[in-house]
Amino acid sequence: MSKKMAKKGSIKIPNIFPLSKNSLKGAFCVDDPKFKHLINFYITAAWNSQQEKKSKIYIVVDKDRVLAYMSVSVGLFEEIQGEKNTTSHEIQALLIGKLYVLPEYRGRGIGTDLLRFATDMTCRLDEMTGCSGLIVDSNSDADTLKFYSRFGFKEIDQIENEKKERTITMFFKLPV
């Protein structure tokens, strides 16, 4: 992943921390209808998902305010479009299930830093157990798809739910 410079007006990116129970208080009390499902996940299910070891949630905090979050988990996939699998083993990849940045902090490098963090995690996972890359389940918002594409993610699948909302699955292959 190429290093990108933060845009003008960027803030110093604070540390990325694992979610704690205290992080849930008052977070994401914003009106962002296009990404309401991401806000709802954080408020209602993130802690349980982490406690049940289904995913790990990482947050970006500045002055006691949660600015962004990302959920990650490890997935095993029978096949990934374009990936060669010559064994009976499934392909392992790190999955970004959700990534959300508050609207007023978008375009300041926070999403990029979370993506770099996930890529570093994927590289460590590859060194320890083997991992072919990073998968993200993205909404079909054009800006979101462009964001992931900028970093080398390629579309590998699309799913449409009963509400006609599309989820685009994208894959970033680690260099061999």
C-alpha atoms as a PDB file:
ATOM      1  CA  MET A   1       0.000   0.000   0.000  1.00  0.00           C
ATOM      2  CA  SER A   2       1.508   3.283  -1.018  1.00  0.00           C
ATOM      3  CA  LYS A   3       1.959   5.967   1.616  1.00  0.00           C
ATOM      4  CA  LYS A   4      -0.532   8.775   1.097  1.00  0.00           C
ATOM      5  CA  MET A   5      -0.181  12.254   2.524  1.00  0.00           C
ATOM      6  CA  ALA A   6      -3.092  13.576   4.560  1.00  0.00           C
ATOM      7  CA  LYS A   7      -5.048  16.347   2.885  1.00  0.00           C
ATOM      8  CA  LYS A   8      -4.818  20.010   3.868  1.00  0.00           C
ATOM      9  CA  GLY A   9      -6.523  20.642   7.175  1.00  0.00           C
ATOM     10  CA  SER A  10      -5.615  17.254   8.511  1.00  0.00           C
ATOM     11  CA  ILE A  11      -5.319  16.624  12.202  1.00  0.00           C
ATOM     12  CA  LYS A  12      -2.544  14.692  13.865  1.00  0.00           C
ATOM     13  CA  ILE A  13      -3.823  11.142  13.789  1.00  0.00           C
ATOM     14  CA  PRO A  14      -4.209   9.912  17.361  1.00  0.00           C
ATOM     15  CA  ASN A  15      -3.418   6.372  18.417  1.00  0.00           C
ATOM     16  CA  ILE A  16      -5.578   3.454  17.417  1.00  0.00           C
ATOM     17  CA  PHE A  17      -6.865   1.531  20.438  1.00  0.00           C
ATOM     18  CA  PRO A  18      -8.842  -1.673  20.969  1.00  0.00           C
ATOM     19  CA  LEU A  19     -12.455  -1.013  21.939  1.00  0.00           C
ATOM     20  CA  SER A  20     -13.154  -0.837  25.675  1.00  0.00           C
ATOM     21  CA  LYS A  21     -16.522  -0.685  27.407  1.00  0.00           C
ATOM     22  CA  ASN A  22     -15.870   2.995  28.285  1.00  0.00           C
ATOM     23  CA  SER A  23     -15.450   3.822  24.576  1.00  0.00           C
ATOM     24  CA  LEU A  24     -19.133   3.203  23.948  1.00  0.00           C
ATOM     25  CA  LYS A  25     -20.445   6.072  26.072  1.00  0.00           C
ATOM     26  CA  GLY A  26     -21.799   8.887  23.924  1.00  0.00           C
ATOM     27  CA  ALA A  27     -19.980   7.784  20.781  1.00  0.00           C
ATOM     28  CA  PHE A  28     -21.339   8.566  17.319  1.00  0.00           C
ATOM     29  CA  CYS A  29     -24.324  10.663  18.359  1.00  0.00           C
ATOM     30  CA  VAL A  30     -24.507  12.079  14.838  1.00  0.00           C
ATOM     31  CA  ASP A  31     -27.036  12.190  12.036  1.00  0.00           C
ATOM     32  CA  ASP A  32     -25.415  10.336   9.122  1.00  0.00           C
ATOM     33  CA  PRO A  33     -28.328   8.545   7.393  1.00  0.00           C
ATOM     34  CA  LYS A  34     -26.222   7.045   4.597  1.00  0.00           C
ATOM     35  CA  PHE A  35     -24.074   5.159   7.139  1.00  0.00           C
ATOM     36  CA  LYS A  36     -26.687   4.605   9.875  1.00  0.00           C
ATOM     37  CA  HIS A  37     -26.059   0.822   9.855  1.00  0.00           C
ATOM     38  CA  LEU A  38     -22.388   1.420  10.744  1.00  0.00           C
ATOM     39  CA  ILE A  39     -23.298   3.722  13.619  1.00  0.00           C
ATOM     40  CA  ASN A  40     -25.924   1.246  14.852  1.00  0.00           C
ATOM     41  CA  PHE A  41     -23.406  -1.612  14.805  1.00  0.00           C
ATOM     42  CA  TYR A  42     -20.979   0.353  16.964  1.00  0.00           C
ATOM     43  CA  ILE A  43     -23.620   1.421  19.471  1.00  0.00           C
ATOM     44  CA  THR A  44     -25.550  -1.852  19.722  1.00  0.00           C
ATOM     45  CA  ALA A  45     -23.315  -4.790  18.707  1.00  0.00           C
ATOM     46  CA  ALA A  46     -19.599  -3.910  18.675  1.00  0.00           C
ATOM     47  CA  TRP A  47     -18.896  -4.756  22.303  1.00  0.00           C
ATOM     48  CA  ASN A  48     -20.778  -8.070  22.144  1.00  0.00           C
ATOM     49  CA  SER A  49     -19.094  -9.027  18.885  1.00  0.00           C
ATOM     50  CA  GLN A  50     -15.711  -8.432  20.477  1.00  0.00           C
ATOM     51  CA  GLN A  51     -16.614 -10.209  23.751  1.00  0.00           C
ATOM     52  CA  GLU A  52     -17.847 -13.236  21.781  1.00  0.00           C
ATOM     53  CA  LYS A  53     -14.532 -13.244  19.859  1.00  0.00           C
ATOM     54  CA  LYS A  54     -16.267 -12.778  16.500  1.00  0.00           C
ATOM     55  CA  SER A  55     -14.284  -9.664  15.707  1.00  0.00           C
ATOM     56  CA  LYS A  56     -11.917  -7.126  17.203  1.00  0.00           C
ATOM     57  CA  ILE A  57     -12.925  -3.472  17.181  1.00  0.00           C
ATOM     58  CA  TYR A  58     -10.327  -0.702  16.938  1.00  0.00           C
ATOM     59  CA  ILE A  59     -11.126   2.945  17.577  1.00  0.00           C
ATOM     60  CA  VAL A  60      -9.456   6.271  16.852  1.00  0.00           C
ATOM     61  CA  VAL A  61      -9.788   8.678  19.756  1.00  0.00           C
ATOM     62  CA  ASP A  62      -8.904  12.354  20.072  1.00  0.00           C
ATOM     63  CA  LYS A  63      -9.503  14.222  23.332  1.00  0.00           C
ATOM     64  CA  ASP A  64     -11.840  11.514  24.669  1.00  0.00           C
ATOM     65  CA  ARG A  65     -13.955  11.559  21.492  1.00  0.00           C
ATOM     66  CA  VAL A  66     -14.228   8.498  19.266  1.00  0.00           C
ATOM     67  CA  LEU A  67     -13.622   9.723  15.701  1.00  0.00           C
ATOM     68  CA  ALA A  68     -13.646   6.390  13.876  1.00  0.00           C
ATOM     69  CA  TYR A  69     -13.805   2.650  14.280  1.00  0.00           C
ATOM     70  CA  MET A  70     -12.966  -0.501  12.357  1.00  0.00           C
ATOM     71  CA  SER A  71     -14.006  -4.106  12.975  1.00  0.00           C
ATOM     72  CA  VAL A  72     -11.688  -6.892  11.824  1.00  0.00           C
ATOM     73  CA  SER A  73     -11.815 -10.678  11.916  1.00  0.00           C
ATOM     74  CA  VAL A  74     -10.052 -13.575  10.257  1.00  0.00           C
ATOM     75  CA  GLY A  75     -11.928 -15.361   7.518  1.00  0.00           C
ATOM     76  CA  LEU A  76     -11.437 -18.595   5.642  1.00  0.00           C
ATOM     77  CA  PHE A  77     -12.644 -18.579   2.057  1.00  0.00           C
ATOM     78  CA  GLU A  78     -13.098 -21.527  -0.295  1.00  0.00           C
ATOM     79  CA  GLU A  79     -12.105 -19.294  -3.142  1.00  0.00           C
ATOM     80  CA  ILE A  80     -11.218 -15.697  -3.810  1.00  0.00           C
ATOM     81  CA  GLN A  81     -11.560 -14.523  -7.386  1.00  0.00           C
ATOM     82  CA  GLY A  82      -8.103 -14.428  -8.978  1.00  0.00           C
ATOM     83  CA  GLU A  83      -6.413 -16.355  -6.138  1.00  0.00           C
ATOM     84  CA  LYS A  84      -4.793 -19.667  -6.953  1.00  0.00           C
ATOM     85  CA  ASN A  85      -5.558 -22.474  -4.509  1.00  0.00           C
ATOM     86  CA  THR A  86      -3.716 -25.711  -5.234  1.00  0.00           C
ATOM     87  CA  THR A  87      -4.410 -27.335  -1.843  1.00  0.00           C
ATOM     88  CA  SER A  88      -7.503 -28.530  -0.029  1.00  0.00           C
ATOM     89  CA  HIS A  89      -7.036 -25.724   2.539  1.00  0.00           C
ATOM     90  CA  GLU A  90      -9.215 -22.664   2.481  1.00  0.00           C
ATOM     91  CA  ILE A  91      -7.668 -19.271   1.752  1.00  0.00           C
ATOM     92  CA  GLN A  92      -7.102 -17.169   4.878  1.00  0.00           C
ATOM     93  CA  ALA A  93      -7.623 -13.401   4.783  1.00  0.00           C
ATOM     94  CA  LEU A  94      -8.187 -10.598   7.267  1.00  0.00           C
ATOM     95  CA  LEU A  95     -11.699  -9.213   6.897  1.00  0.00           C
ATOM     96  CA  ILE A  96     -12.646  -5.595   7.532  1.00  0.00           C
ATOM     97  CA  GLY A  97     -16.319  -5.955   8.319  1.00  0.00           C
ATOM     98  CA  LYS A  98     -16.899  -2.294   9.065  1.00  0.00           C
ATOM     99  CA  LEU A  99     -14.917   0.943   8.883  1.00  0.00           C
ATOM    100  CA  TYR A 100     -16.497   4.277   9.824  1.00  0.00           C
ATOM    101  CA  VAL A 101     -15.157   7.813  10.242  1.00  0.00           C
ATOM    102  CA  LEU A 102     -17.288  10.687  11.562  1.00  0.00           C
ATOM    103  CA  PRO A 103     -18.366  12.925   8.637  1.00  0.00           C
ATOM    104  CA  GLU A 104     -16.502  16.019   9.888  1.00  0.00           C
ATOM    105  CA  TYR A 105     -13.229  14.027  10.067  1.00  0.00           C
ATOM    106  CA  ARG A 106     -13.381  12.391   6.625  1.00  0.00           C
ATOM    107  CA  GLY A 107     -10.648  13.325   4.177  1.00  0.00           C
ATOM    108  CA  ARG A 108      -8.093  13.866   6.958  1.00  0.00           C
ATOM    109  CA  GLY A 109      -6.236  10.555   6.729  1.00  0.00           C
ATOM    110  CA  ILE A 110      -8.012   8.685   9.515  1.00  0.00           C
ATOM    111  CA  GLY A 111      -9.534   6.038   7.227  1.00  0.00           C
ATOM    112  CA  THR A 112      -6.165   5.685   5.504  1.00  0.00           C
ATOM    113  CA  ASP A 113      -4.442   5.136   8.848  1.00  0.00           C
ATOM    114  CA  LEU A 114      -7.003   2.510   9.853  1.00  0.00           C
ATOM    115  CA  LEU A 115      -6.440   0.774   6.517  1.00  0.00           C
ATOM    116  CA  ARG A 116      -2.658   0.860   7.039  1.00  0.00           C
ATOM    117  CA  PHE A 117      -3.182  -0.559  10.533  1.00  0.00           C
ATOM    118  CA  ALA A 118      -5.255  -3.420   9.054  1.00  0.00           C
ATOM    119  CA  THR A 119      -2.622  -4.015   6.364  1.00  0.00           C
ATOM    120  CA  ASP A 120       0.124  -4.208   8.998  1.00  0.00           C
ATOM    121  CA  MET A 121      -2.018  -6.664  10.940  1.00  0.00           C
ATOM    122  CA  THR A 122      -2.489  -8.730   7.762  1.00  0.00           C
ATOM    123  CA  CYS A 123       1.290  -8.811   7.186  1.00  0.00           C
ATOM    124  CA  ARG A 124       1.863  -9.999  10.773  1.00  0.00           C
ATOM    125  CA  LEU A 125      -0.821 -12.637  10.363  1.00  0.00           C
ATOM    126  CA  ASP A 126       0.855 -13.781   7.139  1.00  0.00           C
ATOM    127  CA  GLU A 127       4.223 -14.113   8.910  1.00  0.00           C
ATOM    128  CA  MET A 128       2.689 -16.140  11.751  1.00  0.00           C
ATOM    129  CA  THR A 129       0.099 -18.346  10.037  1.00  0.00           C
ATOM    130  CA  GLY A 130      -0.125 -17.493   6.360  1.00  0.00           C
ATOM    131  CA  CYS A 131      -2.588 -14.953   4.995  1.00  0.00           C
ATOM    132  CA  SER A 132      -3.222 -13.987   1.412  1.00  0.00           C
ATOM    133  CA  GLY A 133      -4.613 -10.536   1.874  1.00  0.00           C
ATOM    134  CA  LEU A 134      -7.311  -8.226   3.131  1.00  0.00           C
ATOM    135  CA  ILE A 135     -11.016  -8.392   2.299  1.00  0.00           C
ATOM    136  CA  VAL A 136     -13.503  -5.595   2.873  1.00  0.00           C
ATOM    137  CA  ASP A 137     -17.276  -5.699   2.666  1.00  0.00           C
ATOM    138  CA  SER A 138     -18.029  -2.215   1.371  1.00  0.00           C
ATOM    139  CA  ASN A 139     -21.287  -0.446   0.758  1.00  0.00           C
ATOM    140  CA  SER A 140     -21.889   0.645  -2.831  1.00  0.00           C
ATOM    141  CA  ASP A 141     -21.272   4.345  -2.164  1.00  0.00           C
ATOM    142  CA  ALA A 142     -19.062   5.670  -4.995  1.00  0.00           C
ATOM    143  CA  ASP A 143     -16.697   7.587  -2.668  1.00  0.00           C
ATOM    144  CA  THR A 144     -16.236   4.527  -0.455  1.00  0.00           C
ATOM    145  CA  LEU A 145     -15.468   2.276  -3.427  1.00  0.00           C
ATOM    146  CA  LYS A 146     -13.009   4.855  -4.797  1.00  0.00           C
ATOM    147  CA  PHE A 147     -11.294   5.020  -1.383  1.00  0.00           C
ATOM    148  CA  TYR A 148     -10.616   1.279  -1.328  1.00  0.00           C
ATOM    149  CA  SER A 149      -9.706   1.138  -5.020  1.00  0.00           C
ATOM    150  CA  ARG A 150      -7.041   3.807  -4.468  1.00  0.00           C
ATOM    151  CA  PHE A 151      -5.188   1.340  -2.248  1.00  0.00           C
ATOM    152  CA  GLY A 152      -5.326  -1.555  -4.685  1.00  0.00           C
ATOM    153  CA  PHE A 153      -8.519  -3.296  -3.591  1.00  0.00           C
ATOM    154  CA  LYS A 154     -10.314  -5.091  -6.455  1.00  0.00           C
ATOM    155  CA  GLU A 155     -13.979  -5.991  -6.552  1.00  0.00           C
ATOM    156  CA  ILE A 156     -14.520  -9.756  -6.262  1.00  0.00           C
ATOM    157  CA  ASP A 157     -18.244 -10.074  -5.487  1.00  0.00           C
ATOM    158  CA  GLN A 158     -21.544  -8.209  -5.075  1.00  0.00           C
ATOM    159  CA  ILE A 159     -24.534  -9.098  -2.937  1.00  0.00           C
ATOM    160  CA  GLU A 160     -27.885  -7.335  -2.922  1.00  0.00           C
ATOM    161  CA  ASN A 161     -30.182  -7.611   0.105  1.00  0.00           C
ATOM    162  CA  GLU A 162     -33.979  -7.520   0.198  1.00  0.00           C
ATOM    163  CA  LYS A 163     -33.883  -3.699   0.513  1.00  0.00           C
ATOM    164  CA  LYS A 164     -31.919  -3.551  -2.781  1.00  0.00           C
ATOM    165  CA  GLU A 165     -28.786  -2.336  -0.914  1.00  0.00           C
ATOM    166  CA  ARG A 166     -25.590  -3.670  -2.451  1.00  0.00           C
ATOM    167  CA  THR A 167     -22.542  -4.895  -0.562  1.00  0.00           C
ATOM    168  CA  ILE A 168     -19.367  -4.967  -2.621  1.00  0.00           C
ATOM    169  CA  THR A 169     -16.676  -7.417  -1.517  1.00  0.00           C
ATOM    170  CA  MET A 170     -13.181  -6.198  -2.385  1.00  0.00           C
ATOM    171  CA  PHE A 171      -9.793  -7.891  -2.018  1.00  0.00           C
ATOM    172  CA  PHE A 172      -6.253  -6.548  -1.519  1.00  0.00           C
ATOM    173  CA  LYS A 173      -3.621  -9.203  -2.206  1.00  0.00           C
ATOM    174  CA  LEU A 174      -0.450  -9.102  -0.152  1.00  0.00           C
ATOM    175  CA  PRO A 175       2.693  -9.118  -2.299  1.00  0.00           C
ATOM    176  CA  VAL A 176       4.325 -12.536  -2.490  1.00  0.00           C
END
